[in-house]
Amino acid sequence: MSHPNILNPNDKPSGSKRGIVYSEMGEFDILGHYSRLLEEDPSKSMPIAAIESLCALCDGIEANTIHELLSTIQLGSDTLKESVPNAISLTAGCDLFTRFITRHSHDDPRDFDTFKRKLQSNGHLFAQRARQARSIVAENGLKLFLDDAVIFVHGYSRCVMAILLHAREKGKKFKVICTETRPSCQGLRTARELRAVGISVAVIDDNAVTYAMNKVTFVLVGAEGTLADASIINVMGTQTVALAAKNINRKVYVATETHKFVDMFPVDQYMIPVKQNVIVFNPPGVEGAMSQEELTFVDYVDPKYITSFITEMGLMSPTMVGDKIITTRLEG
């Protein structure tokens, strides 16, 4: 039975707007807050923005009991997930923060107000530590760089960029081959930012992946989410890159923070929780490929094509990643 001060997600008031958390304790535009965080700081990842939005929700809505506080966080998490077309990445942040708060809620508070302030403070500290993870990933990624390496990248990943820019700062000598990553053209953004700091970049058509793969030392890609079987969800075309690398024995490294680990088992391309109109027969008025509109198409990449993950915890094999996700679930 729902607590009287918390509105059931299915019982929202008439005229309710998408992305708003409604309760008798107040209303909070969690989608608006989340969107502003990403707009104000393009370097911020979606899981971090989700965690910080849940922290802001805790600060903005006055809860009087532990149950109200936990219910509000869960409602905020559910509302945010329902409001974003591709919620895989932010789901990791929401679930991680919820487990963190729930775990600390088992303490026996004699003074709820003091307990709530401590819990909220711990939440902000958790978000701060998550933000610092990328710089640690960048440092751990240096272990892969040999002199005159040629690195293949696909799409645009903040973690991948952090590794490459850090390697440049440390005097590593390397070149980069990146795809245009059509139709989003994320690869062009990658090329512009790398060239701006003096890194030599070759941009290739997406259909030249196999041709170029023979010239590379290893592949380095990011991940929107890393799933419980150590598969990843990333920009469309990543599976093609991984297949090409596997075919000629090139290693594939995935750069990601552990707050992007998601407890999901999608099985294959068509089981991921994202609606994608990639294959549409005879759409009226469309001659070429379907438009992505607001949604960037994503790919499922089988863990058998992944050599290792570069995380703030160090290099992790796919087996280690899967074990970590399962262990986190059991601890929660």
C-alpha atoms as a PDB file:
ATOM      1  CA  MET A   1       0.000   0.000   0.000  1.00  0.00           C
ATOM      2  CA  SER A   2       1.292   3.432  -0.914  1.00  0.00           C
ATOM      3  CA  HIS A   3       2.128   5.934   1.822  1.00  0.00           C
ATOM      4  CA  PRO A   4      -0.561   8.672   1.963  1.00  0.00           C
ATOM      5  CA  ASN A   5       1.959  11.466   1.357  1.00  0.00           C
ATOM      6  CA  ILE A   6       3.433   9.879  -1.779  1.00  0.00           C
ATOM      7  CA  LEU A   7       1.465   9.796  -4.993  1.00  0.00           C
ATOM      8  CA  ASN A   8       1.409   6.540  -6.880  1.00  0.00           C
ATOM      9  CA  PRO A   9       3.027   7.052 -10.334  1.00  0.00           C
ATOM     10  CA  ASN A  10      -0.198   5.768 -11.901  1.00  0.00           C
ATOM     11  CA  ASP A  11      -2.310   8.310  -9.987  1.00  0.00           C
ATOM     12  CA  LYS A  12      -0.805  11.564 -11.225  1.00  0.00           C
ATOM     13  CA  PRO A  13      -3.052  14.629 -11.086  1.00  0.00           C
ATOM     14  CA  SER A  14      -5.038  15.528 -14.183  1.00  0.00           C
ATOM     15  CA  GLY A  15      -3.072  17.790 -16.492  1.00  0.00           C
ATOM     16  CA  SER A  16       0.230  16.487 -15.094  1.00  0.00           C
ATOM     17  CA  LYS A  17       3.307  17.203 -17.171  1.00  0.00           C
ATOM     18  CA  ARG A  18       6.045  14.840 -18.251  1.00  0.00           C
ATOM     19  CA  GLY A  19       9.078  14.782 -15.977  1.00  0.00           C
ATOM     20  CA  ILE A  20       7.392  16.296 -12.905  1.00  0.00           C
ATOM     21  CA  VAL A  21       7.556  14.530  -9.521  1.00  0.00           C
ATOM     22  CA  TYR A  22       4.206  15.080  -7.781  1.00  0.00           C
ATOM     23  CA  SER A  23       3.646  14.511  -4.058  1.00  0.00           C
ATOM     24  CA  GLU A  24       1.758  16.125  -1.185  1.00  0.00           C
ATOM     25  CA  MET A  25       5.149  17.460  -0.090  1.00  0.00           C
ATOM     26  CA  GLY A  26       5.472  19.480  -3.273  1.00  0.00           C
ATOM     27  CA  GLU A  27       6.308  19.276  -6.967  1.00  0.00           C
ATOM     28  CA  PHE A  28       9.731  19.030  -8.563  1.00  0.00           C
ATOM     29  CA  ASP A  29      10.633  19.258 -12.250  1.00  0.00           C
ATOM     30  CA  ILE A  30      13.261  16.538 -12.267  1.00  0.00           C
ATOM     31  CA  LEU A  31      13.415  16.294 -16.070  1.00  0.00           C
ATOM     32  CA  GLY A  32      13.925  20.052 -16.351  1.00  0.00           C
ATOM     33  CA  HIS A  33      16.678  19.957 -13.741  1.00  0.00           C
ATOM     34  CA  TYR A  34      18.352  16.997 -15.466  1.00  0.00           C
ATOM     35  CA  SER A  35      18.175  18.691 -18.880  1.00  0.00           C
ATOM     36  CA  ARG A  36      19.623  21.954 -17.517  1.00  0.00           C
ATOM     37  CA  LEU A  37      22.583  20.128 -15.981  1.00  0.00           C
ATOM     38  CA  LEU A  38      23.475  18.555 -19.325  1.00  0.00           C
ATOM     39  CA  GLU A  39      22.954  21.821 -21.215  1.00  0.00           C
ATOM     40  CA  GLU A  40      25.070  23.882 -18.804  1.00  0.00           C
ATOM     41  CA  ASP A  41      27.922  21.363 -18.742  1.00  0.00           C
ATOM     42  CA  PRO A  42      28.280  19.314 -21.973  1.00  0.00           C
ATOM     43  CA  SER A  43      31.116  17.339 -20.364  1.00  0.00           C
ATOM     44  CA  LYS A  44      28.736  15.908 -17.772  1.00  0.00           C
ATOM     45  CA  SER A  45      27.587  12.332 -18.356  1.00  0.00           C
ATOM     46  CA  MET A  46      23.934  11.294 -18.121  1.00  0.00           C
ATOM     47  CA  PRO A  47      24.372   9.070 -15.029  1.00  0.00           C
ATOM     48  CA  ILE A  48      26.038  11.949 -13.154  1.00  0.00           C
ATOM     49  CA  ALA A  49      23.246  14.334 -14.179  1.00  0.00           C
ATOM     50  CA  ALA A  50      20.698  11.768 -12.970  1.00  0.00           C
ATOM     51  CA  ILE A  51      22.456  11.382  -9.601  1.00  0.00           C
ATOM     52  CA  GLU A  52      22.684  15.158  -9.125  1.00  0.00           C
ATOM     53  CA  SER A  53      19.012  15.544 -10.079  1.00  0.00           C
ATOM     54  CA  LEU A  54      18.000  13.024  -7.416  1.00  0.00           C
ATOM     55  CA  CYS A  55      20.147  14.918  -4.894  1.00  0.00           C
ATOM     56  CA  ALA A  56      18.337  18.128  -5.865  1.00  0.00           C
ATOM     57  CA  LEU A  57      14.994  16.341  -5.486  1.00  0.00           C
ATOM     58  CA  CYS A  58      15.949  15.317  -1.931  1.00  0.00           C
ATOM     59  CA  ASP A  59      16.873  18.924  -1.178  1.00  0.00           C
ATOM     60  CA  GLY A  60      13.769  20.390  -2.808  1.00  0.00           C
ATOM     61  CA  ILE A  61      10.994  18.218  -1.365  1.00  0.00           C
ATOM     62  CA  GLU A  62      10.570  18.121   2.401  1.00  0.00           C
ATOM     63  CA  ALA A  63      10.231  14.537   3.641  1.00  0.00           C
ATOM     64  CA  ASN A  64       9.293  13.878   7.259  1.00  0.00           C
ATOM     65  CA  THR A  65      10.035  10.153   7.507  1.00  0.00           C
ATOM     66  CA  ILE A  66      12.524   7.674   6.066  1.00  0.00           C
ATOM     67  CA  HIS A  67       9.702   6.085   4.105  1.00  0.00           C
ATOM     68  CA  GLU A  68       8.771   9.415   2.520  1.00  0.00           C
ATOM     69  CA  LEU A  69      12.390  10.148   1.628  1.00  0.00           C
ATOM     70  CA  LEU A  70      13.002   6.737   0.030  1.00  0.00           C
ATOM     71  CA  SER A  71       9.631   6.800  -1.758  1.00  0.00           C
ATOM     72  CA  THR A  72      10.381  10.257  -3.144  1.00  0.00           C
ATOM     73  CA  ILE A  73      13.758   9.106  -4.479  1.00  0.00           C
ATOM     74  CA  GLN A  74      12.178   6.046  -6.092  1.00  0.00           C
ATOM     75  CA  LEU A  75       9.410   8.142  -7.605  1.00  0.00           C
ATOM     76  CA  GLY A  76      11.965  10.628  -8.928  1.00  0.00           C
ATOM     77  CA  SER A  77      14.013   7.819 -10.435  1.00  0.00           C
ATOM     78  CA  ASP A  78      10.968   6.255 -12.121  1.00  0.00           C
ATOM     79  CA  THR A  79       9.761   9.633 -13.403  1.00  0.00           C
ATOM     80  CA  LEU A  80      13.143  10.440 -14.936  1.00  0.00           C
ATOM     81  CA  LYS A  81      13.457   7.037 -16.616  1.00  0.00           C
ATOM     82  CA  GLU A  82       9.984   7.343 -18.126  1.00  0.00           C
ATOM     83  CA  SER A  83      10.678  10.848 -19.462  1.00  0.00           C
ATOM     84  CA  VAL A  84      13.759  10.096 -21.606  1.00  0.00           C
ATOM     85  CA  PRO A  85      13.558   8.094 -24.877  1.00  0.00           C
ATOM     86  CA  ASN A  86      16.900   6.350 -24.274  1.00  0.00           C
ATOM     87  CA  ALA A  87      17.154   5.863 -20.508  1.00  0.00           C
ATOM     88  CA  ILE A  88      19.889   3.204 -20.423  1.00  0.00           C
ATOM     89  CA  SER A  89      22.708   5.471 -19.292  1.00  0.00           C
ATOM     90  CA  LEU A  90      20.750   7.491 -16.735  1.00  0.00           C
ATOM     91  CA  THR A  91      19.210   4.266 -15.374  1.00  0.00           C
ATOM     92  CA  ALA A  92      22.652   3.268 -14.149  1.00  0.00           C
ATOM     93  CA  GLY A  93      22.993   6.516 -12.196  1.00  0.00           C
ATOM     94  CA  CYS A  94      19.457   6.336 -10.767  1.00  0.00           C
ATOM     95  CA  ASP A  95      19.812   2.726  -9.645  1.00  0.00           C
ATOM     96  CA  LEU A  96      23.260   3.274  -8.168  1.00  0.00           C
ATOM     97  CA  PHE A  97      22.127   6.309  -6.178  1.00  0.00           C
ATOM     98  CA  THR A  98      18.963   4.556  -4.984  1.00  0.00           C
ATOM     99  CA  ARG A  99      20.964   1.554  -3.742  1.00  0.00           C
ATOM    100  CA  PHE A 100      23.422   3.891  -2.028  1.00  0.00           C
ATOM    101  CA  ILE A 101      20.692   5.795  -0.185  1.00  0.00           C
ATOM    102  CA  THR A 102      18.756   2.625   0.692  1.00  0.00           C
ATOM    103  CA  ARG A 103      21.850   0.975   2.126  1.00  0.00           C
ATOM    104  CA  HIS A 104      22.484   3.949   4.427  1.00  0.00           C
ATOM    105  CA  SER A 105      18.834   4.212   5.430  1.00  0.00           C
ATOM    106  CA  HIS A 106      19.116   1.125   7.643  1.00  0.00           C
ATOM    107  CA  ASP A 107      20.917   3.168  10.294  1.00  0.00           C
ATOM    108  CA  ASP A 108      18.763   3.798  13.370  1.00  0.00           C
ATOM    109  CA  PRO A 109      18.088   7.562  13.409  1.00  0.00           C
ATOM    110  CA  ARG A 110      17.245   9.135  16.758  1.00  0.00           C
ATOM    111  CA  ASP A 111      16.779  12.525  15.124  1.00  0.00           C
ATOM    112  CA  PHE A 112      15.253  12.261  11.633  1.00  0.00           C
ATOM    113  CA  ASP A 113      16.166  15.823  10.588  1.00  0.00           C
ATOM    114  CA  THR A 114      19.832  15.195  11.432  1.00  0.00           C
ATOM    115  CA  PHE A 115      19.676  11.806   9.733  1.00  0.00           C
ATOM    116  CA  LYS A 116      18.115  13.309   6.597  1.00  0.00           C
ATOM    117  CA  ARG A 117      20.796  15.999   6.359  1.00  0.00           C
ATOM    118  CA  LYS A 118      23.484  13.347   6.733  1.00  0.00           C
ATOM    119  CA  LEU A 119      21.852  11.177   4.082  1.00  0.00           C
ATOM    120  CA  GLN A 120      21.576  14.095   1.664  1.00  0.00           C
ATOM    121  CA  SER A 121      25.176  15.078   2.375  1.00  0.00           C
ATOM    122  CA  ASN A 122      26.273  11.517   1.629  1.00  0.00           C
ATOM    123  CA  GLY A 123      24.287  11.695  -1.617  1.00  0.00           C
ATOM    124  CA  HIS A 124      26.123  14.835  -2.731  1.00  0.00           C
ATOM    125  CA  LEU A 125      29.451  13.250  -1.754  1.00  0.00           C
ATOM    126  CA  PHE A 126      28.534  10.197  -3.805  1.00  0.00           C
ATOM    127  CA  ALA A 127      27.844  12.390  -6.848  1.00  0.00           C
ATOM    128  CA  GLN A 128      31.170  14.195  -6.361  1.00  0.00           C
ATOM    129  CA  ARG A 129      33.103  10.925  -6.296  1.00  0.00           C
ATOM    130  CA  ALA A 130      31.295   9.745  -9.412  1.00  0.00           C
ATOM    131  CA  ARG A 131      32.334  12.956 -11.215  1.00  0.00           C
ATOM    132  CA  GLN A 132      35.980  12.283 -10.357  1.00  0.00           C
ATOM    133  CA  ALA A 133      35.922   8.800 -11.863  1.00  0.00           C
ATOM    134  CA  ARG A 134      36.615   9.941 -15.435  1.00  0.00           C
ATOM    135  CA  SER A 135      40.019  11.421 -14.595  1.00  0.00           C
ATOM    136  CA  ILE A 136      41.013   8.129 -12.942  1.00  0.00           C
ATOM    137  CA  VAL A 137      39.858   6.239 -16.047  1.00  0.00           C
ATOM    138  CA  ALA A 138      42.086   8.537 -18.128  1.00  0.00           C
ATOM    139  CA  GLU A 139      45.103   7.731 -15.957  1.00  0.00           C
ATOM    140  CA  ASN A 140      44.443   3.989 -16.115  1.00  0.00           C
ATOM    141  CA  GLY A 141      44.142   4.177 -19.898  1.00  0.00           C
ATOM    142  CA  LEU A 142      47.768   5.277 -20.254  1.00  0.00           C
ATOM    143  CA  LYS A 143      48.844   1.664 -19.760  1.00  0.00           C
ATOM    144  CA  LEU A 144      47.637   0.820 -23.264  1.00  0.00           C
ATOM    145  CA  PHE A 145      49.724   3.354 -25.167  1.00  0.00           C
ATOM    146  CA  LEU A 146      52.798   2.252 -27.068  1.00  0.00           C
ATOM    147  CA  ASP A 147      54.906   4.635 -29.121  1.00  0.00           C
ATOM    148  CA  ASP A 148      53.407   5.459 -32.519  1.00  0.00           C
ATOM    149  CA  ALA A 149      50.175   3.586 -31.816  1.00  0.00           C
ATOM    150  CA  VAL A 150      47.251   4.046 -34.202  1.00  0.00           C
ATOM    151  CA  ILE A 151      43.974   4.037 -32.283  1.00  0.00           C
ATOM    152  CA  PHE A 152      40.566   3.431 -33.849  1.00  0.00           C
ATOM    153  CA  VAL A 153      37.600   5.261 -32.307  1.00  0.00           C
ATOM    154  CA  HIS A 154      33.918   5.413 -33.191  1.00  0.00           C
ATOM    155  CA  GLY A 155      31.432   8.063 -32.134  1.00  0.00           C
ATOM    156  CA  TYR A 156      32.045  10.554 -29.354  1.00  0.00           C
ATOM    157  CA  SER A 157      32.813   9.384 -25.823  1.00  0.00           C
ATOM    158  CA  ARG A 158      33.807  11.662 -22.938  1.00  0.00           C
ATOM    159  CA  CYS A 159      35.794   8.831 -21.376  1.00  0.00           C
ATOM    160  CA  VAL A 160      37.626   8.072 -24.617  1.00  0.00           C
ATOM    161  CA  MET A 161      38.377  11.769 -25.089  1.00  0.00           C
ATOM    162  CA  ALA A 162      39.682  11.993 -21.514  1.00  0.00           C
ATOM    163  CA  ILE A 163      42.102   9.123 -22.170  1.00  0.00           C
ATOM    164  CA  LEU A 164      43.346  10.514 -25.484  1.00  0.00           C
ATOM    165  CA  LEU A 165      43.774  14.073 -24.196  1.00  0.00           C
ATOM    166  CA  HIS A 166      45.524  12.851 -21.051  1.00  0.00           C
ATOM    167  CA  ALA A 167      47.859  10.687 -23.140  1.00  0.00           C
ATOM    168  CA  ARG A 168      48.680  13.741 -25.257  1.00  0.00           C
ATOM    169  CA  GLU A 169      49.467  15.758 -22.119  1.00  0.00           C
ATOM    170  CA  LYS A 170      51.790  12.995 -20.932  1.00  0.00           C
ATOM    171  CA  GLY A 171      53.758  13.132 -24.174  1.00  0.00           C
ATOM    172  CA  LYS A 172      52.470   9.917 -25.740  1.00  0.00           C
ATOM    173  CA  LYS A 173      52.906   9.746 -29.512  1.00  0.00           C
ATOM    174  CA  PHE A 174      49.941   8.293 -31.368  1.00  0.00           C
ATOM    175  CA  LYS A 175      47.480   8.825 -34.219  1.00  0.00           C
ATOM    176  CA  VAL A 176      43.746   8.338 -34.340  1.00  0.00           C
ATOM    177  CA  ILE A 177      41.437   6.951 -37.007  1.00  0.00           C
ATOM    178  CA  CYS A 178      37.777   7.755 -36.415  1.00  0.00           C
ATOM    179  CA  THR A 179      34.589   7.179 -38.337  1.00  0.00           C
ATOM    180  CA  GLU A 180      32.262  10.009 -39.277  1.00  0.00           C
ATOM    181  CA  THR A 181      29.618   8.039 -37.333  1.00  0.00           C
ATOM    182  CA  ARG A 182      26.705   8.808 -39.613  1.00  0.00           C
ATOM    183  CA  PRO A 183      24.039  10.044 -39.363  1.00  0.00           C
ATOM    184  CA  SER A 184      24.801  11.743 -36.021  1.00  0.00           C
ATOM    185  CA  CYS A 185      28.339  12.699 -37.136  1.00  0.00           C
ATOM    186  CA  GLN A 186      29.645  12.279 -33.596  1.00  0.00           C
ATOM    187  CA  GLY A 187      33.003  11.258 -35.053  1.00  0.00           C
ATOM    188  CA  LEU A 188      33.433  14.687 -36.634  1.00  0.00           C
ATOM    189  CA  ARG A 189      33.159  16.247 -33.177  1.00  0.00           C
ATOM    190  CA  THR A 190      35.806  13.822 -31.925  1.00  0.00           C
ATOM    191  CA  ALA A 191      38.116  14.744 -34.801  1.00  0.00           C
ATOM    192  CA  ARG A 192      37.685  18.499 -34.288  1.00  0.00           C
ATOM    193  CA  GLU A 193      38.495  18.343 -30.575  1.00  0.00           C
ATOM    194  CA  LEU A 194      41.512  16.070 -31.041  1.00  0.00           C
ATOM    195  CA  ARG A 195      42.941  18.123 -33.889  1.00  0.00           C
ATOM    196  CA  ALA A 196      42.523  21.278 -31.806  1.00  0.00           C
ATOM    197  CA  VAL A 197      45.196  19.987 -29.399  1.00  0.00           C
ATOM    198  CA  GLY A 198      47.538  18.748 -32.118  1.00  0.00           C
ATOM    199  CA  ILE A 199      46.573  15.061 -32.330  1.00  0.00           C
ATOM    200  CA  SER A 200      46.794  13.643 -35.856  1.00  0.00           C
ATOM    201  CA  VAL A 201      43.374  12.312 -36.930  1.00  0.00           C
ATOM    202  CA  ALA A 202      42.128  10.554 -40.053  1.00  0.00           C
ATOM    203  CA  VAL A 203      38.357  10.606 -40.553  1.00  0.00           C
ATOM    204  CA  ILE A 204      36.890   7.765 -42.602  1.00  0.00           C
ATOM    205  CA  ASP A 205      33.467   6.876 -43.986  1.00  0.00           C
ATOM    206  CA  ASP A 206      31.589   4.408 -41.821  1.00  0.00           C
ATOM    207  CA  ASN A 207      31.664   1.873 -44.651  1.00  0.00           C
ATOM    208  CA  ALA A 208      35.499   1.894 -44.621  1.00  0.00           C
ATOM    209  CA  VAL A 209      35.800   0.315 -41.158  1.00  0.00           C
ATOM    210  CA  THR A 210      37.150  -3.041 -42.353  1.00  0.00           C
ATOM    211  CA  TYR A 211      39.598  -1.389 -44.746  1.00  0.00           C
ATOM    212  CA  ALA A 212      41.035   0.857 -42.042  1.00  0.00           C
ATOM    213  CA  MET A 213      41.105  -1.777 -39.303  1.00  0.00           C
ATOM    214  CA  ASN A 214      44.217  -3.374 -40.789  1.00  0.00           C
ATOM    215  CA  LYS A 215      46.155  -0.181 -39.983  1.00  0.00           C
ATOM    216  CA  VAL A 216      45.241   0.158 -36.303  1.00  0.00           C
ATOM    217  CA  THR A 217      46.950  -0.954 -33.097  1.00  0.00           C
ATOM    218  CA  PHE A 218      43.748  -1.283 -31.057  1.00  0.00           C
ATOM    219  CA  VAL A 219      40.154  -0.053 -30.848  1.00  0.00           C
ATOM    220  CA  LEU A 220      38.986   2.307 -28.102  1.00  0.00           C
ATOM    221  CA  VAL A 221      35.265   2.990 -27.649  1.00  0.00           C
ATOM    222  CA  GLY A 222      33.000   4.299 -24.918  1.00  0.00           C
ATOM    223  CA  ALA A 223      29.701   2.955 -23.608  1.00  0.00           C
ATOM    224  CA  GLU A 224      26.332   4.452 -22.801  1.00  0.00           C
ATOM    225  CA  GLY A 225      25.807   1.491 -20.538  1.00  0.00           C
ATOM    226  CA  THR A 226      27.616  -1.691 -19.550  1.00  0.00           C
ATOM    227  CA  LEU A 227      25.204  -4.542 -18.890  1.00  0.00           C
ATOM    228  CA  ALA A 228      25.240  -7.485 -16.501  1.00  0.00           C
ATOM    229  CA  ASP A 229      26.650  -9.923 -19.072  1.00  0.00           C
ATOM    230  CA  ALA A 230      29.462  -7.409 -19.824  1.00  0.00           C
ATOM    231  CA  SER A 231      27.895  -6.451 -23.146  1.00  0.00           C
ATOM    232  CA  ILE A 232      27.696  -2.729 -23.861  1.00  0.00           C
ATOM    233  CA  ILE A 233      25.221  -0.302 -25.377  1.00  0.00           C
ATOM    234  CA  ASN A 234      26.901   2.351 -27.512  1.00  0.00           C
ATOM    235  CA  VAL A 235      26.327   4.439 -30.620  1.00  0.00           C
ATOM    236  CA  MET A 236      25.104   2.516 -33.671  1.00  0.00           C
ATOM    237  CA  GLY A 237      27.944   0.925 -35.630  1.00  0.00           C
ATOM    238  CA  THR A 238      30.002  -0.093 -32.608  1.00  0.00           C
ATOM    239  CA  GLN A 239      29.104  -3.756 -33.138  1.00  0.00           C
ATOM    240  CA  THR A 240      30.346  -3.490 -36.738  1.00  0.00           C
ATOM    241  CA  VAL A 241      33.634  -2.022 -35.497  1.00  0.00           C
ATOM    242  CA  ALA A 242      33.982  -4.801 -32.913  1.00  0.00           C
ATOM    243  CA  LEU A 243      33.296  -7.502 -35.513  1.00  0.00           C
ATOM    244  CA  ALA A 244      35.911  -6.043 -37.868  1.00  0.00           C
ATOM    245  CA  ALA A 245      38.470  -5.900 -35.045  1.00  0.00           C
ATOM    246  CA  LYS A 246      37.762  -9.480 -33.988  1.00  0.00           C
ATOM    247  CA  ASN A 247      38.160 -10.677 -37.566  1.00  0.00           C
ATOM    248  CA  ILE A 248      41.808  -9.551 -37.726  1.00  0.00           C
ATOM    249  CA  ASN A 249      42.695 -10.000 -34.041  1.00  0.00           C
ATOM    250  CA  ARG A 250      42.685  -6.370 -32.952  1.00  0.00           C
ATOM    251  CA  LYS A 251      41.917  -5.732 -29.284  1.00  0.00           C
ATOM    252  CA  VAL A 252      38.806  -3.769 -28.349  1.00  0.00           C
ATOM    253  CA  TYR A 253      38.921  -1.680 -25.165  1.00  0.00           C
ATOM    254  CA  VAL A 254      35.866  -0.030 -23.628  1.00  0.00           C
ATOM    255  CA  ALA A 255      36.450   3.144 -21.603  1.00  0.00           C
ATOM    256  CA  THR A 256      33.743   3.636 -18.990  1.00  0.00           C
ATOM    257  CA  GLU A 257      33.123   4.615 -15.398  1.00  0.00           C
ATOM    258  CA  THR A 258      31.562   1.980 -13.153  1.00  0.00           C
ATOM    259  CA  HIS A 259      28.551   4.234 -12.557  1.00  0.00           C
ATOM    260  CA  LYS A 260      27.508   3.246 -16.090  1.00  0.00           C
ATOM    261  CA  PHE A 261      27.165  -0.412 -15.065  1.00  0.00           C
ATOM    262  CA  VAL A 262      23.493  -1.382 -15.499  1.00  0.00           C
ATOM    263  CA  ASP A 263      21.807  -4.496 -14.122  1.00  0.00           C
ATOM    264  CA  MET A 264      20.083  -5.535 -17.377  1.00  0.00           C
ATOM    265  CA  PHE A 265      20.203  -8.642 -19.602  1.00  0.00           C
ATOM    266  CA  PRO A 266      19.062  -7.604 -23.097  1.00  0.00           C
ATOM    267  CA  VAL A 267      20.305 -10.762 -24.897  1.00  0.00           C
ATOM    268  CA  ASP A 268      20.658  -9.122 -28.334  1.00  0.00           C
ATOM    269  CA  GLN A 269      20.180  -5.989 -30.469  1.00  0.00           C
ATOM    270  CA  TYR A 270      16.399  -6.212 -30.411  1.00  0.00           C
ATOM    271  CA  MET A 271      15.926  -6.672 -26.659  1.00  0.00           C
ATOM    272  CA  ILE A 272      17.439  -3.378 -25.490  1.00  0.00           C
ATOM    273  CA  PRO A 273      14.913  -1.031 -23.818  1.00  0.00           C
ATOM    274  CA  VAL A 274      15.116   1.638 -26.515  1.00  0.00           C
ATOM    275  CA  LYS A 275      12.569   2.078 -29.305  1.00  0.00           C
ATOM    276  CA  GLN A 276      14.432   2.530 -32.598  1.00  0.00           C
ATOM    277  CA  ASN A 277      12.969   2.915 -36.076  1.00  0.00           C
ATOM    278  CA  VAL A 278      16.072   1.642 -37.819  1.00  0.00           C
ATOM    279  CA  ILE A 279      14.319  -0.735 -40.226  1.00  0.00           C
ATOM    280  CA  VAL A 280      11.118   0.664 -41.709  1.00  0.00           C
ATOM    281  CA  PHE A 281       9.788  -0.664 -45.025  1.00  0.00           C
ATOM    282  CA  ASN A 282       8.486   1.907 -47.511  1.00  0.00           C
ATOM    283  CA  PRO A 283       8.032   4.879 -45.152  1.00  0.00           C
ATOM    284  CA  PRO A 284       5.961   7.552 -46.923  1.00  0.00           C
ATOM    285  CA  GLY A 285       7.943  10.536 -48.142  1.00  0.00           C
ATOM    286  CA  VAL A 286      11.327   9.098 -47.081  1.00  0.00           C
ATOM    287  CA  GLU A 287      13.866   8.087 -49.706  1.00  0.00           C
ATOM    288  CA  GLY A 288      16.931   7.352 -47.591  1.00  0.00           C
ATOM    289  CA  ALA A 289      17.483   6.073 -44.059  1.00  0.00           C
ATOM    290  CA  MET A 290      14.985   6.906 -41.325  1.00  0.00           C
ATOM    291  CA  SER A 291      15.648  10.130 -39.455  1.00  0.00           C
ATOM    292  CA  GLN A 292      16.915   9.742 -35.886  1.00  0.00           C
ATOM    293  CA  GLU A 293      15.037  12.858 -34.766  1.00  0.00           C
ATOM    294  CA  GLU A 294      15.859  13.301 -31.055  1.00  0.00           C
ATOM    295  CA  LEU A 295      17.018   9.731 -30.577  1.00  0.00           C
ATOM    296  CA  THR A 296      20.527   8.598 -31.419  1.00  0.00           C
ATOM    297  CA  PHE A 297      20.478   4.994 -32.585  1.00  0.00           C
ATOM    298  CA  VAL A 298      22.394   2.603 -30.352  1.00  0.00           C
ATOM    299  CA  ASP A 299      24.060  -0.764 -30.778  1.00  0.00           C
ATOM    300  CA  TYR A 300      24.383  -3.827 -28.584  1.00  0.00           C
ATOM    301  CA  VAL A 301      27.957  -5.193 -28.513  1.00  0.00           C
ATOM    302  CA  ASP A 302      28.460  -8.807 -27.476  1.00  0.00           C
ATOM    303  CA  PRO A 303      31.059  -9.256 -24.669  1.00  0.00           C
ATOM    304  CA  LYS A 304      32.922 -11.874 -26.729  1.00  0.00           C
ATOM    305  CA  TYR A 305      34.243  -9.026 -28.873  1.00  0.00           C
ATOM    306  CA  ILE A 306      35.499  -6.976 -25.921  1.00  0.00           C
ATOM    307  CA  THR A 307      39.064  -7.436 -24.687  1.00  0.00           C
ATOM    308  CA  SER A 308      38.922  -5.333 -21.538  1.00  0.00           C
ATOM    309  CA  PHE A 309      37.205  -2.427 -19.816  1.00  0.00           C
ATOM    310  CA  ILE A 310      39.149   0.636 -18.686  1.00  0.00           C
ATOM    311  CA  THR A 311      37.492   1.846 -15.472  1.00  0.00           C
ATOM    312  CA  GLU A 312      38.397   3.858 -12.377  1.00  0.00           C
ATOM    313  CA  MET A 313      38.953   0.473 -10.720  1.00  0.00           C
ATOM    314  CA  GLY A 314      41.605  -0.404 -13.314  1.00  0.00           C
ATOM    315  CA  LEU A 315      41.492  -2.740 -16.315  1.00  0.00           C
ATOM    316  CA  MET A 316      38.660  -5.237 -15.945  1.00  0.00           C
ATOM    317  CA  SER A 317      37.930  -8.307 -18.051  1.00  0.00           C
ATOM    318  CA  PRO A 318      34.336  -8.913 -19.183  1.00  0.00           C
ATOM    319  CA  THR A 319      34.070 -11.644 -16.543  1.00  0.00           C
ATOM    320  CA  MET A 320      35.190  -9.241 -13.821  1.00  0.00           C
ATOM    321  CA  VAL A 321      32.645  -6.653 -14.987  1.00  0.00           C
ATOM    322  CA  GLY A 322      29.786  -9.155 -14.918  1.00  0.00           C
ATOM    323  CA  ASP A 323      30.804 -10.318 -11.437  1.00  0.00           C
ATOM    324  CA  LYS A 324      30.950  -6.701 -10.236  1.00  0.00           C
ATOM    325  CA  ILE A 325      27.421  -5.954 -11.438  1.00  0.00           C
ATOM    326  CA  ILE A 326      26.011  -9.120  -9.877  1.00  0.00           C
ATOM    327  CA  THR A 327      27.819  -8.428  -6.592  1.00  0.00           C
ATOM    328  CA  THR A 328      26.469  -4.874  -6.501  1.00  0.00           C
ATOM    329  CA  ARG A 329      22.936  -6.215  -7.000  1.00  0.00           C
ATOM    330  CA  LEU A 330      23.316  -8.672  -4.121  1.00  0.00           C
ATOM    331  CA  GLU A 331      24.771  -5.996  -1.831  1.00  0.00           C
ATOM    332  CA  GLY A 332      21.817  -3.725  -2.575  1.00  0.00           C
END
